[in-house]
PDB file of N, CA and C in Angstrom:
ATOM      1  N   MET A   1      72.783  91.318  98.765  1.00  0.00           N
ATOM      2  CA  MET A   1      73.885  90.051  98.692  1.00  0.00           C
ATOM      3  C   MET A   1      75.040  91.094  98.828  1.00  0.00           C
ATOM      4  N   LYS A   2      76.183  90.793  99.418  1.00  0.00           N
ATOM      5  CA  LYS A   2      77.877  91.517  99.621  1.00  0.00           C
ATOM      6  C   LYS A   2      78.465  91.168  98.290  1.00  0.00           C
ATOM      7  N   ASN A   3      78.945  91.943  97.686  1.00  0.00           N
ATOM      8  CA  ASN A   3      79.986  92.198  97.037  1.00  0.00           C
ATOM      9  C   ASN A   3      81.478  91.947  97.074  1.00  0.00           C
ATOM     10  N   THR A   4      81.847  90.797  97.253  1.00  0.00           N
ATOM     11  CA  THR A   4      83.275  90.692  97.840  1.00  0.00           C
ATOM     12  C   THR A   4      84.534  90.633  96.677  1.00  0.00           C
ATOM     13  N   GLU A   5      84.370  90.695  95.709  1.00  0.00           N
ATOM     14  CA  GLU A   5      85.157  90.416  94.612  1.00  0.00           C
ATOM     15  C   GLU A   5      85.960  92.007  94.916  1.00  0.00           C
ATOM     16  N   SER A   6      85.475  92.874  95.307  1.00  0.00           N
ATOM     17  CA  SER A   6      86.270  94.414  94.917  1.00  0.00           C
ATOM     18  C   SER A   6      86.489  94.592  96.293  1.00  0.00           C
ATOM     19  N   ASN A   7      86.307  93.814  97.517  1.00  0.00           N
ATOM     20  CA  ASN A   7      86.792  94.364  98.485  1.00  0.00           C
ATOM     21  C   ASN A   7      88.163  93.853  98.678  1.00  0.00           C
ATOM     22  N   LEU A   8      89.224  94.610  99.412  1.00  0.00           N
ATOM     23  CA  LEU A   8      90.193  94.655 100.001  1.00  0.00           C
ATOM     24  C   LEU A   8      90.685  93.817 101.176  1.00  0.00           C
ATOM     25  N   SER A   9      91.530  92.907 101.128  1.00  0.00           N
ATOM     26  CA  SER A   9      92.067  92.821 102.435  1.00  0.00           C
ATOM     27  C   SER A   9      92.906  93.614 103.157  1.00  0.00           C
ATOM     28  N   TRP A  10      92.839  93.346 104.392  1.00  0.00           N
ATOM     29  CA  TRP A  10      93.502  94.039 105.127  1.00  0.00           C
ATOM     30  C   TRP A  10      95.265  93.960 104.718  1.00  0.00           C
ATOM     31  N   SER A  11      95.663  92.822 104.223  1.00  0.00           N
ATOM     32  CA  SER A  11      96.873  92.512 103.988  1.00  0.00           C
ATOM     33  C   SER A  11      96.956  93.407 102.538  1.00  0.00           C
ATOM     34  N   ASP A  12      95.997  93.441 101.778  1.00  0.00           N
ATOM     35  CA  ASP A  12      96.131  93.939 100.491  1.00  0.00           C
ATOM     36  C   ASP A  12      96.183  95.649 100.745  1.00  0.00           C
ATOM     37  N   PHE A  13      95.508  96.494 101.887  1.00  0.00           N
ATOM     38  CA  PHE A  13      95.897  97.799 101.827  1.00  0.00           C
ATOM     39  C   PHE A  13      97.007  97.830 102.611  1.00  0.00           C
ATOM     40  N   GLN A  14      97.668  97.131 103.438  1.00  0.00           N
ATOM     41  CA  GLN A  14      99.126  97.295 104.011  1.00  0.00           C
ATOM     42  C   GLN A  14      99.913  97.513 102.697  1.00  0.00           C
ATOM     43  N   LYS A  15     100.044  96.947 101.884  1.00  0.00           N
ATOM     44  CA  LYS A  15     100.999  96.905 100.411  1.00  0.00           C
ATOM     45  C   LYS A  15     100.984  98.177 100.071  1.00  0.00           C
ATOM     46  N   VAL A  16      99.903  99.264 100.450  1.00  0.00           N
ATOM     47  CA  VAL A  16     100.252 100.498  99.741  1.00  0.00           C
ATOM     48  C   VAL A  16     100.773 101.679 100.477  1.00  0.00           C
ATOM     49  N   ASP A  17     101.712 101.958  99.931  1.00  0.00           N
ATOM     50  CA  ASP A  17     102.729 102.966 100.855  1.00  0.00           C
ATOM     51  C   ASP A  17     101.981 104.403 100.588  1.00  0.00           C
ATOM     52  N   ILE A  18     101.582 104.653 101.503  1.00  0.00           N
ATOM     53  CA  ILE A  18     100.843 106.643 101.946  1.00  0.00           C
ATOM     54  C   ILE A  18     101.772 107.250 102.326  1.00  0.00           C
ATOM     55  N   ARG A  19     101.867 108.297 101.898  1.00  0.00           N
ATOM     56  CA  ARG A  19     103.093 109.299 102.687  1.00  0.00           C
ATOM     57  C   ARG A  19     102.916 110.563 102.371  1.00  0.00           C
ATOM     58  N   VAL A  20     103.444 111.287 103.188  1.00  0.00           N
ATOM     59  CA  VAL A  20     102.872 112.928 103.689  1.00  0.00           C
ATOM     60  C   VAL A  20     104.342 113.307 102.800  1.00  0.00           C
ATOM     61  N   GLY A  21     103.916 114.379 101.861  1.00  0.00           N
ATOM     62  CA  GLY A  21     105.201 115.297 101.285  1.00  0.00           C
ATOM     63  C   GLY A  21     105.012 116.527 101.364  1.00  0.00           C
ATOM     64  N   THR A  22     105.965 117.310 100.650  1.00  0.00           N
ATOM     65  CA  THR A  22     105.841 119.031 100.886  1.00  0.00           C
ATOM     66  C   THR A  22     106.285 119.304  99.221  1.00  0.00           C
ATOM     67  N   ILE A  23     105.316 120.075  98.494  1.00  0.00           N
ATOM     68  CA  ILE A  23     105.474 120.425  97.292  1.00  0.00           C
ATOM     69  C   ILE A  23     106.781 121.713  97.181  1.00  0.00           C
ATOM     70  N   ILE A  24     107.628 120.783  96.511  1.00  0.00           N
ATOM     71  CA  ILE A  24     109.004 122.141  96.282  1.00  0.00           C
ATOM     72  C   ILE A  24     109.011 122.757  95.152  1.00  0.00           C
ATOM     73  N   LYS A  25     108.451 122.348  94.091  1.00  0.00           N
ATOM     74  CA  LYS A  25     108.118 122.843  92.613  1.00  0.00           C
ATOM     75  C   LYS A  25     107.149 122.378  92.188  1.00  0.00           C
ATOM     76  N   ALA A  26     106.528 123.416  91.530  1.00  0.00           N
ATOM     77  CA  ALA A  26     105.163 123.317  90.740  1.00  0.00           C
ATOM     78  C   ALA A  26     105.016 124.384  89.478  1.00  0.00           C
ATOM     79  N   GLU A  27     104.774 123.449  88.377  1.00  0.00           N
ATOM     80  CA  GLU A  27     104.869 124.209  87.270  1.00  0.00           C
ATOM     81  C   GLU A  27     103.765 123.881  86.283  1.00  0.00           C
ATOM     82  N   LEU A  28     103.410 124.714  85.110  1.00  0.00           N
ATOM     83  CA  LEU A  28     102.135 124.220  84.182  1.00  0.00           C
ATOM     84  C   LEU A  28     102.822 123.237  83.535  1.00  0.00           C
ATOM     85  N   PHE A  29     102.216 121.878  83.366  1.00  0.00           N
ATOM     86  CA  PHE A  29     102.359 120.652  82.380  1.00  0.00           C
ATOM     87  C   PHE A  29     101.879 120.940  81.103  1.00  0.00           C
ATOM     88  N   LYS A  30     102.613 121.647  80.026  1.00  0.00           N
ATOM     89  CA  LYS A  30     102.141 122.106  78.902  1.00  0.00           C
ATOM     90  C   LYS A  30     101.841 120.887  77.936  1.00  0.00           C
ATOM     91  N   GLU A  31     102.575 119.835  77.950  1.00  0.00           N
ATOM     92  CA  GLU A  31     102.864 118.700  77.236  1.00  0.00           C
ATOM     93  C   GLU A  31     101.645 117.600  77.804  1.00  0.00           C
ATOM     94  N   ALA A  32     101.103 117.684  78.642  1.00  0.00           N
ATOM     95  CA  ALA A  32      99.812 116.948  79.152  1.00  0.00           C
ATOM     96  C   ALA A  32      98.466 117.095  77.941  1.00  0.00           C
ATOM     97  N   ARG A  33      97.793 116.168  78.046  1.00  0.00           N
ATOM     98  CA  ARG A  33      96.479 116.158  76.957  1.00  0.00           C
ATOM     99  C   ARG A  33      95.426 117.147  77.750  1.00  0.00           C
ATOM    100  N   LYS A  34      95.300 116.767  78.972  1.00  0.00           N
ATOM    101  CA  LYS A  34      94.722 117.488  80.001  1.00  0.00           C
ATOM    102  C   LYS A  34      95.298 118.607  80.876  1.00  0.00           C
ATOM    103  N   PRO A  35      94.749 119.839  81.089  1.00  0.00           N
ATOM    104  CA  PRO A  35      95.400 120.721  81.982  1.00  0.00           C
ATOM    105  C   PRO A  35      95.796 120.364  83.054  1.00  0.00           C
ATOM    106  N   SER A  36      97.215 120.394  83.789  1.00  0.00           N
ATOM    107  CA  SER A  36      97.940 119.946  84.640  1.00  0.00           C
ATOM    108  C   SER A  36      99.241 120.635  85.165  1.00  0.00           C
ATOM    109  N   LEU A  37      99.492 119.899  86.145  1.00  0.00           N
ATOM    110  CA  LEU A  37     100.861 120.713  86.909  1.00  0.00           C
ATOM    111  C   LEU A  37     101.654 119.547  86.918  1.00  0.00           C
ATOM    112  N   LYS A  38     102.973 119.971  86.871  1.00  0.00           N
ATOM    113  CA  LYS A  38     104.128 118.864  87.066  1.00  0.00           C
ATOM    114  C   LYS A  38     104.503 119.232  88.466  1.00  0.00           C
ATOM    115  N   LEU A  39     104.681 118.395  89.366  1.00  0.00           N
ATOM    116  CA  LEU A  39     105.106 118.411  91.020  1.00  0.00           C
ATOM    117  C   LEU A  39     106.210 117.801  91.259  1.00  0.00           C
ATOM    118  N   GLU A  40     107.045 118.183  92.114  1.00  0.00           N
ATOM    119  CA  GLU A  40     108.143 118.052  92.373  1.00  0.00           C
ATOM    120  C   GLU A  40     107.965 117.893  94.327  1.00  0.00           C
ATOM    121  N   ILE A  41     108.047 116.702  94.892  1.00  0.00           N
ATOM    122  CA  ILE A  41     107.534 116.621  95.843  1.00  0.00           C
ATOM    123  C   ILE A  41     108.621 115.944  96.845  1.00  0.00           C
ATOM    124  N   ASP A  42     108.828 116.681  98.117  1.00  0.00           N
ATOM    125  CA  ASP A  42     109.907 115.769  99.015  1.00  0.00           C
ATOM    126  C   ASP A  42     109.149 115.272 100.164  1.00  0.00           C
ATOM    127  N   PHE A  43     109.704 113.876 100.170  1.00  0.00           N
ATOM    128  CA  PHE A  43     108.969 112.842 101.051  1.00  0.00           C
ATOM    129  C   PHE A  43     110.248 112.655 101.763  1.00  0.00           C
ATOM    130  N   GLY A  44     111.111 113.819 102.471  1.00  0.00           N
ATOM    131  CA  GLY A  44     111.988 113.548 103.424  1.00  0.00           C
ATOM    132  C   GLY A  44     113.176 112.470 103.235  1.00  0.00           C
ATOM    133  N   GLU A  45     113.127 111.656 104.069  1.00  0.00           N
ATOM    134  CA  GLU A  45     114.436 110.514 104.243  1.00  0.00           C
ATOM    135  C   GLU A  45     114.151 109.415 102.502  1.00  0.00           C
ATOM    136  N   LEU A  46     112.634 109.938 102.073  1.00  0.00           N
ATOM    137  CA  LEU A  46     112.418 108.678 100.937  1.00  0.00           C
ATOM    138  C   LEU A  46     112.670 109.356  99.545  1.00  0.00           C
ATOM    139  N   GLY A  47     113.106 110.569  99.802  1.00  0.00           N
ATOM    140  CA  GLY A  47     113.684 111.288  98.620  1.00  0.00           C
ATOM    141  C   GLY A  47     112.831 112.012  98.072  1.00  0.00           C
ATOM    142  N   ILE A  48     112.839 112.677  96.638  1.00  0.00           N
ATOM    143  CA  ILE A  48     112.071 113.686  95.893  1.00  0.00           C
ATOM    144  C   ILE A  48     111.574 112.693  94.979  1.00  0.00           C
ATOM    145  N   LYS A  49     110.235 113.346  94.653  1.00  0.00           N
ATOM    146  CA  LYS A  49     109.541 112.399  93.621  1.00  0.00           C
ATOM    147  C   LYS A  49     108.779 113.416  92.855  1.00  0.00           C
ATOM    148  N   ARG A  50     108.740 112.818  91.786  1.00  0.00           N
ATOM    149  CA  ARG A  50     108.033 113.891  90.639  1.00  0.00           C
ATOM    150  C   ARG A  50     106.374 113.274  90.386  1.00  0.00           C
ATOM    151  N   SER A  51     105.728 114.326  89.789  1.00  0.00           N
ATOM    152  CA  SER A  51     104.203 113.891  89.327  1.00  0.00           C
ATOM    153  C   SER A  51     103.483 114.450  88.783  1.00  0.00           C
ATOM    154  N   SER A  52     102.454 114.347  88.026  1.00  0.00           N
ATOM    155  CA  SER A  52     101.467 115.262  87.719  1.00  0.00           C
ATOM    156  C   SER A  52     100.244 115.182  88.048  1.00  0.00           C
ATOM    157  N   ALA A  53      99.412 116.337  88.437  1.00  0.00           N
ATOM    158  CA  ALA A  53      97.936 116.359  89.055  1.00  0.00           C
ATOM    159  C   ALA A  53      96.897 116.824  88.169  1.00  0.00           C
ATOM    160  N   GLN A  54      96.306 116.602  87.852  1.00  0.00           N
ATOM    161  CA  GLN A  54      94.950 117.748  87.062  1.00  0.00           C
ATOM    162  C   GLN A  54      94.581 118.340  88.346  1.00  0.00           C
ATOM    163  N   ILE A  55      95.003 119.736  88.470  1.00  0.00           N
ATOM    164  CA  ILE A  55      94.412 120.432  89.624  1.00  0.00           C
ATOM    165  C   ILE A  55      94.222 121.927  89.262  1.00  0.00           C
ATOM    166  N   THR A  56      94.466 121.870  88.172  1.00  0.00           N
ATOM    167  CA  THR A  56      94.630 123.541  87.783  1.00  0.00           C
ATOM    168  C   THR A  56      93.430 124.384  88.323  1.00  0.00           C
ATOM    169  N   THR A  57      92.258 123.780  88.177  1.00  0.00           N
ATOM    170  CA  THR A  57      90.758 124.342  88.504  1.00  0.00           C
ATOM    171  C   THR A  57      91.226 125.081  89.913  1.00  0.00           C
ATOM    172  N   LEU A  58      91.653 124.676  90.657  1.00  0.00           N
ATOM    173  CA  LEU A  58      91.559 125.083  92.155  1.00  0.00           C
ATOM    174  C   LEU A  58      93.021 125.538  92.392  1.00  0.00           C
ATOM    175  N   TYR A  59      94.047 125.186  92.051  1.00  0.00           N
ATOM    176  CA  TYR A  59      95.351 125.712  92.151  1.00  0.00           C
ATOM    177  C   TYR A  59      96.058 126.089  91.015  1.00  0.00           C
ATOM    178  N   ALA A  60      96.740 127.266  91.392  1.00  0.00           N
ATOM    179  CA  ALA A  60      97.573 127.912  90.705  1.00  0.00           C
ATOM    180  C   ALA A  60      99.483 127.508  91.254  1.00  0.00           C
ATOM    181  N   ALA A  61     100.158 127.180  89.820  1.00  0.00           N
ATOM    182  CA  ALA A  61     101.436 126.337  90.433  1.00  0.00           C
ATOM    183  C   ALA A  61     102.120 127.293  91.471  1.00  0.00           C
ATOM    184  N   GLU A  62     102.393 128.778  91.297  1.00  0.00           N
ATOM    185  CA  GLU A  62     103.090 129.724  92.054  1.00  0.00           C
ATOM    186  C   GLU A  62     102.305 129.600  93.950  1.00  0.00           C
ATOM    187  N   LYS A  63     101.322 129.021  93.661  1.00  0.00           N
ATOM    188  CA  LYS A  63     100.577 128.917  95.563  1.00  0.00           C
ATOM    189  C   LYS A  63     101.031 127.827  95.802  1.00  0.00           C
ATOM    190  N   LEU A  64     101.360 126.790  95.199  1.00  0.00           N
ATOM    191  CA  LEU A  64     101.593 125.451  95.954  1.00  0.00           C
ATOM    192  C   LEU A  64     102.831 125.050  96.594  1.00  0.00           C
ATOM    193  N   HIS A  65     103.857 125.855  96.444  1.00  0.00           N
ATOM    194  CA  HIS A  65     105.088 125.617  97.104  1.00  0.00           C
ATOM    195  C   HIS A  65     105.303 125.999  98.657  1.00  0.00           C
ATOM    196  N   GLY A  66     105.705 124.431  99.194  1.00  0.00           N
ATOM    197  CA  GLY A  66     105.143 124.432 100.705  1.00  0.00           C
ATOM    198  C   GLY A  66     104.060 123.650 101.392  1.00  0.00           C
ATOM    199  N   LYS A  67     103.327 123.609 100.181  1.00  0.00           N
ATOM    200  CA  LYS A  67     101.690 122.478 100.556  1.00  0.00           C
ATOM    201  C   LYS A  67     102.204 121.245 100.877  1.00  0.00           C
ATOM    202  N   GLN A  68     101.743 120.886 102.135  1.00  0.00           N
ATOM    203  CA  GLN A  68     101.906 119.322 102.260  1.00  0.00           C
ATOM    204  C   GLN A  68     100.637 118.277 101.600  1.00  0.00           C
ATOM    205  N   ILE A  69     100.974 117.402 101.045  1.00  0.00           N
ATOM    206  CA  ILE A  69      99.988 116.348 100.413  1.00  0.00           C
ATOM    207  C   ILE A  69     100.183 115.074 100.782  1.00  0.00           C
ATOM    208  N   ILE A  70      99.569 114.326 100.065  1.00  0.00           N
ATOM    209  CA  ILE A  70      99.197 112.861 100.621  1.00  0.00           C
ATOM    210  C   ILE A  70      99.560 112.109  99.268  1.00  0.00           C
ATOM    211  N   ALA A  71     100.226 111.213  99.028  1.00  0.00           N
ATOM    212  CA  ALA A  71     100.775 110.272  97.962  1.00  0.00           C
ATOM    213  C   ALA A  71     101.039 109.057  98.399  1.00  0.00           C
ATOM    214  N   VAL A  72     100.470 108.375  97.390  1.00  0.00           N
ATOM    215  CA  VAL A  72     101.265 106.943  96.801  1.00  0.00           C
ATOM    216  C   VAL A  72     102.265 107.027  96.539  1.00  0.00           C
ATOM    217  N   ILE A  73     103.241 106.328  97.025  1.00  0.00           N
ATOM    218  CA  ILE A  73     104.779 106.446  96.421  1.00  0.00           C
ATOM    219  C   ILE A  73     105.408 104.826  96.192  1.00  0.00           C
ATOM    220  N   ASN A  74     104.370 103.749  96.270  1.00  0.00           N
ATOM    221  CA  ASN A  74     105.009 102.618  95.766  1.00  0.00           C
ATOM    222  C   ASN A  74     104.492 101.840  94.328  1.00  0.00           C
ATOM    223  N   PHE A  75     103.544 102.829  93.528  1.00  0.00           N
ATOM    224  CA  PHE A  75     103.201 102.207  92.322  1.00  0.00           C
ATOM    225  C   PHE A  75     104.715 102.298  91.504  1.00  0.00           C
ATOM    226  N   PRO A  76     104.573 101.325  90.168  1.00  0.00           N
ATOM    227  CA  PRO A  76     105.835 101.605  89.687  1.00  0.00           C
ATOM    228  C   PRO A  76     105.853 103.001  89.092  1.00  0.00           C
ATOM    229  N   PRO A  77     106.952 103.318  88.416  1.00  0.00           N
ATOM    230  CA  PRO A  77     106.872 104.742  87.634  1.00  0.00           C
ATOM    231  C   PRO A  77     105.781 104.901  86.475  1.00  0.00           C
ATOM    232  N   LYS A  78     105.422 106.170  86.081  1.00  0.00           N
ATOM    233  CA  LYS A  78     104.495 106.117  84.869  1.00  0.00           C
ATOM    234  C   LYS A  78     104.755 106.936  83.907  1.00  0.00           C
ATOM    235  N   GLN A  79     104.964 106.679  82.473  1.00  0.00           N
ATOM    236  CA  GLN A  79     104.936 107.770  81.615  1.00  0.00           C
ATOM    237  C   GLN A  79     103.677 108.382  81.380  1.00  0.00           C
ATOM    238  N   ILE A  80     103.963 109.798  81.696  1.00  0.00           N
ATOM    239  CA  ILE A  80     102.703 110.978  81.361  1.00  0.00           C
ATOM    240  C   ILE A  80     103.243 111.709  80.495  1.00  0.00           C
ATOM    241  N   ALA A  81     103.269 111.666  78.894  1.00  0.00           N
ATOM    242  CA  ALA A  81     103.674 112.805  77.888  1.00  0.00           C
ATOM    243  C   ALA A  81     105.199 112.753  78.330  1.00  0.00           C
ATOM    244  N   THR A  82     105.742 113.961  78.538  1.00  0.00           N
ATOM    245  CA  THR A  82     106.966 114.018  78.910  1.00  0.00           C
ATOM    246  C   THR A  82     107.549 113.719  79.981  1.00  0.00           C
ATOM    247  N   LEU A  83     106.734 113.545  81.393  1.00  0.00           N
ATOM    248  CA  LEU A  83     107.168 113.144  82.750  1.00  0.00           C
ATOM    249  C   LEU A  83     106.956 111.849  83.248  1.00  0.00           C
ATOM    250  N   MET A  84     108.333 111.210  83.568  1.00  0.00           N
ATOM    251  CA  MET A  84     107.974 109.960  83.990  1.00  0.00           C
ATOM    252  C   MET A  84     107.677 110.462  85.763  1.00  0.00           C
ATOM    253  N   SER A  85     106.542 109.981  85.981  1.00  0.00           N
ATOM    254  CA  SER A  85     105.545 110.140  86.907  1.00  0.00           C
ATOM    255  C   SER A  85     105.921 109.239  88.129  1.00  0.00           C
ATOM    256  N   GLU A  86     106.453 109.371  89.466  1.00  0.00           N
ATOM    257  CA  GLU A  86     106.981 108.553  90.549  1.00  0.00           C
ATOM    258  C   GLU A  86     106.145 108.533  91.768  1.00  0.00           C
ATOM    259  N   CYS A  87     104.917 108.976  91.643  1.00  0.00           N
ATOM    260  CA  CYS A  87     104.055 108.887  92.775  1.00  0.00           C
ATOM    261  C   CYS A  87     102.700 109.263  92.543  1.00  0.00           C
ATOM    262  N   LEU A  88     101.659 109.241  93.167  1.00  0.00           N
ATOM    263  CA  LEU A  88     100.401 109.302  92.752  1.00  0.00           C
ATOM    264  C   LEU A  88      99.689 110.028  94.060  1.00  0.00           C
ATOM    265  N   VAL A  89      99.688 111.252  93.582  1.00  0.00           N
ATOM    266  CA  VAL A  89      99.074 112.476  94.392  1.00  0.00           C
ATOM    267  C   VAL A  89      97.383 112.124  94.440  1.00  0.00           C
ATOM    268  N   LEU A  90      97.071 111.842  95.776  1.00  0.00           N
ATOM    269  CA  LEU A  90      95.741 112.173  95.887  1.00  0.00           C
ATOM    270  C   LEU A  90      94.996 113.004  96.670  1.00  0.00           C
ATOM    271  N   ALA A  91      94.076 113.091  95.983  1.00  0.00           N
ATOM    272  CA  ALA A  91      92.624 113.822  95.773  1.00  0.00           C
ATOM    273  C   ALA A  91      91.281 113.722  95.819  1.00  0.00           C
ATOM    274  N   GLY A  92      90.588 114.605  96.184  1.00  0.00           N
ATOM    275  CA  GLY A  92      89.031 114.219  96.034  1.00  0.00           C
ATOM    276  C   GLY A  92      88.886 114.937  94.527  1.00  0.00           C
ATOM    277  N   VAL A  93      88.135 114.224  93.795  1.00  0.00           N
ATOM    278  CA  VAL A  93      87.522 114.647  92.324  1.00  0.00           C
ATOM    279  C   VAL A  93      86.095 114.620  92.543  1.00  0.00           C
ATOM    280  N   ASP A  94      85.793 116.406  92.320  1.00  0.00           N
ATOM    281  CA  ASP A  94      84.472 116.540  92.276  1.00  0.00           C
ATOM    282  C   ASP A  94      84.154 117.073  90.798  1.00  0.00           C
ATOM    283  N   GLU A  95      83.436 116.743  89.987  1.00  0.00           N
ATOM    284  CA  GLU A  95      82.820 117.376  88.886  1.00  0.00           C
ATOM    285  C   GLU A  95      82.637 118.892  88.638  1.00  0.00           C
ATOM    286  N   GLU A  96      81.931 119.070  89.682  1.00  0.00           N
ATOM    287  CA  GLU A  96      81.677 120.787  89.769  1.00  0.00           C
ATOM    288  C   GLU A  96      82.541 121.455  90.410  1.00  0.00           C
ATOM    289  N   VAL A  97      83.134 120.966  91.643  1.00  0.00           N
ATOM    290  CA  VAL A  97      84.045 122.206  92.085  1.00  0.00           C
ATOM    291  C   VAL A  97      85.646 122.262  91.553  1.00  0.00           C
ATOM    292  N   GLY A  98      85.979 120.699  91.619  1.00  0.00           N
ATOM    293  CA  GLY A  98      87.081 120.581  90.897  1.00  0.00           C
ATOM    294  C   GLY A  98      87.659 119.321  91.770  1.00  0.00           C
ATOM    295  N   THR A  99      89.045 119.318  91.561  1.00  0.00           N
ATOM    296  CA  THR A  99      90.007 118.674  91.925  1.00  0.00           C
ATOM    297  C   THR A  99      91.002 118.944  93.363  1.00  0.00           C
ATOM    298  N   SER A 100      90.333 118.252  94.350  1.00  0.00           N
ATOM    299  CA  SER A 100      90.999 119.009  95.992  1.00  0.00           C
ATOM    300  C   SER A 100      91.805 118.121  96.374  1.00  0.00           C
ATOM    301  N   LEU A 101      93.244 118.630  96.555  1.00  0.00           N
ATOM    302  CA  LEU A 101      94.433 117.652  97.101  1.00  0.00           C
ATOM    303  C   LEU A 101      94.159 117.834  98.775  1.00  0.00           C
ATOM    304  N   LEU A 102      94.180 116.169  98.856  1.00  0.00           N
ATOM    305  CA  LEU A 102      94.238 115.774 100.325  1.00  0.00           C
ATOM    306  C   LEU A 102      95.954 116.152 101.182  1.00  0.00           C
ATOM    307  N   SER A 103      95.540 116.537 102.365  1.00  0.00           N
ATOM    308  CA  SER A 103      96.741 117.112 103.099  1.00  0.00           C
ATOM    309  C   SER A 103      96.165 117.230 104.331  1.00  0.00           C
ATOM    310  N   PRO A 104      97.286 116.830 105.299  1.00  0.00           N
ATOM    311  CA  PRO A 104      97.241 117.000 106.802  1.00  0.00           C
ATOM    312  C   PRO A 104      96.930 118.276 107.413  1.00  0.00           C
ATOM    313  N   ASP A 105      96.172 118.485 108.422  1.00  0.00           N
ATOM    314  CA  ASP A 105      95.672 119.603 109.010  1.00  0.00           C
ATOM    315  C   ASP A 105      96.781 120.374 109.679  1.00  0.00           C
ATOM    316  N   HIS A 106      97.763 119.498 109.795  1.00  0.00           N
ATOM    317  CA  HIS A 106      98.929 120.228 110.741  1.00  0.00           C
ATOM    318  C   HIS A 106      99.959 119.836 109.973  1.00  0.00           C
ATOM    319  N   LYS A 107     101.194 120.771 110.340  1.00  0.00           N
ATOM    320  CA  LYS A 107     102.669 120.473 109.223  1.00  0.00           C
ATOM    321  C   LYS A 107     102.898 119.224 110.313  1.00  0.00           C
ATOM    322  N   ILE A 108     103.665 118.204 109.409  1.00  0.00           N
ATOM    323  CA  ILE A 108     104.136 116.913 110.259  1.00  0.00           C
ATOM    324  C   ILE A 108     105.408 116.707 109.194  1.00  0.00           C
ATOM    325  N   ALA A 109     106.262 115.727 109.430  1.00  0.00           N
ATOM    326  CA  ALA A 109     107.218 115.300 109.195  1.00  0.00           C
ATOM    327  C   ALA A 109     107.077 114.961 107.733  1.00  0.00           C
ATOM    328  N   ASN A 110     107.800 115.573 106.469  1.00  0.00           N
ATOM    329  CA  ASN A 110     108.045 114.567 105.141  1.00  0.00           C
ATOM    330  C   ASN A 110     108.266 113.376 105.414  1.00  0.00           C
ATOM    331  N   GLY A 111     107.370 112.165 104.824  1.00  0.00           N
ATOM    332  CA  GLY A 111     107.605 111.016 104.797  1.00  0.00           C
ATOM    333  C   GLY A 111     106.852 110.074 105.574  1.00  0.00           C
ATOM    334  N   THR A 112     105.980 110.688 106.507  1.00  0.00           N
ATOM    335  CA  THR A 112     105.281 110.529 107.523  1.00  0.00           C
ATOM    336  C   THR A 112     104.292 109.468 106.849  1.00  0.00           C
ATOM    337  N   LYS A 113     104.378 107.934 107.221  1.00  0.00           N
ATOM    338  CA  LYS A 113     103.322 107.082 107.049  1.00  0.00           C
ATOM    339  C   LYS A 113     101.893 107.352 107.369  1.00  0.00           C
ATOM    340  N   ILE A 114     101.082 106.953 106.126  1.00  0.00           N
ATOM    341  CA  ILE A 114      99.736 107.205 106.558  1.00  0.00           C
ATOM    342  C   ILE A 114      99.014 105.902 106.626  1.00  0.00           C
ATOM    343  N   SER A 115      98.171 105.782 107.618  1.00  0.00           N
ATOM    344  CA  SER A 115      97.853 104.479 107.869  1.00  0.00           C
ATOM    345  C   SER A 115      96.189 104.298 108.238  1.00  0.00           C
TER     346      SER A 115
END
């Protein structure tokens, strides 16, 4: 028997605004409960947004400048410790390996829509 309660409709998916951005600043998020980094991400014409990410197992802050990532940019802002998070950075979460950021294979324009 198929569980359709958790299935999204196409119109539900279309409401999620997923974009490419480039990390322009990354630093240790000392105030967070779990080890995290504070990120500033350039989404081109959509502006610069801030977020936090629990990615310290695989990434050092000083190595992230210029890395392109994928994020959801139309969630409402959320307070995380001392940071107002403005987007959700997408990643693969593997308990053994760590959290791995999703990113395009090739450099593309900031703000490019993911579909």
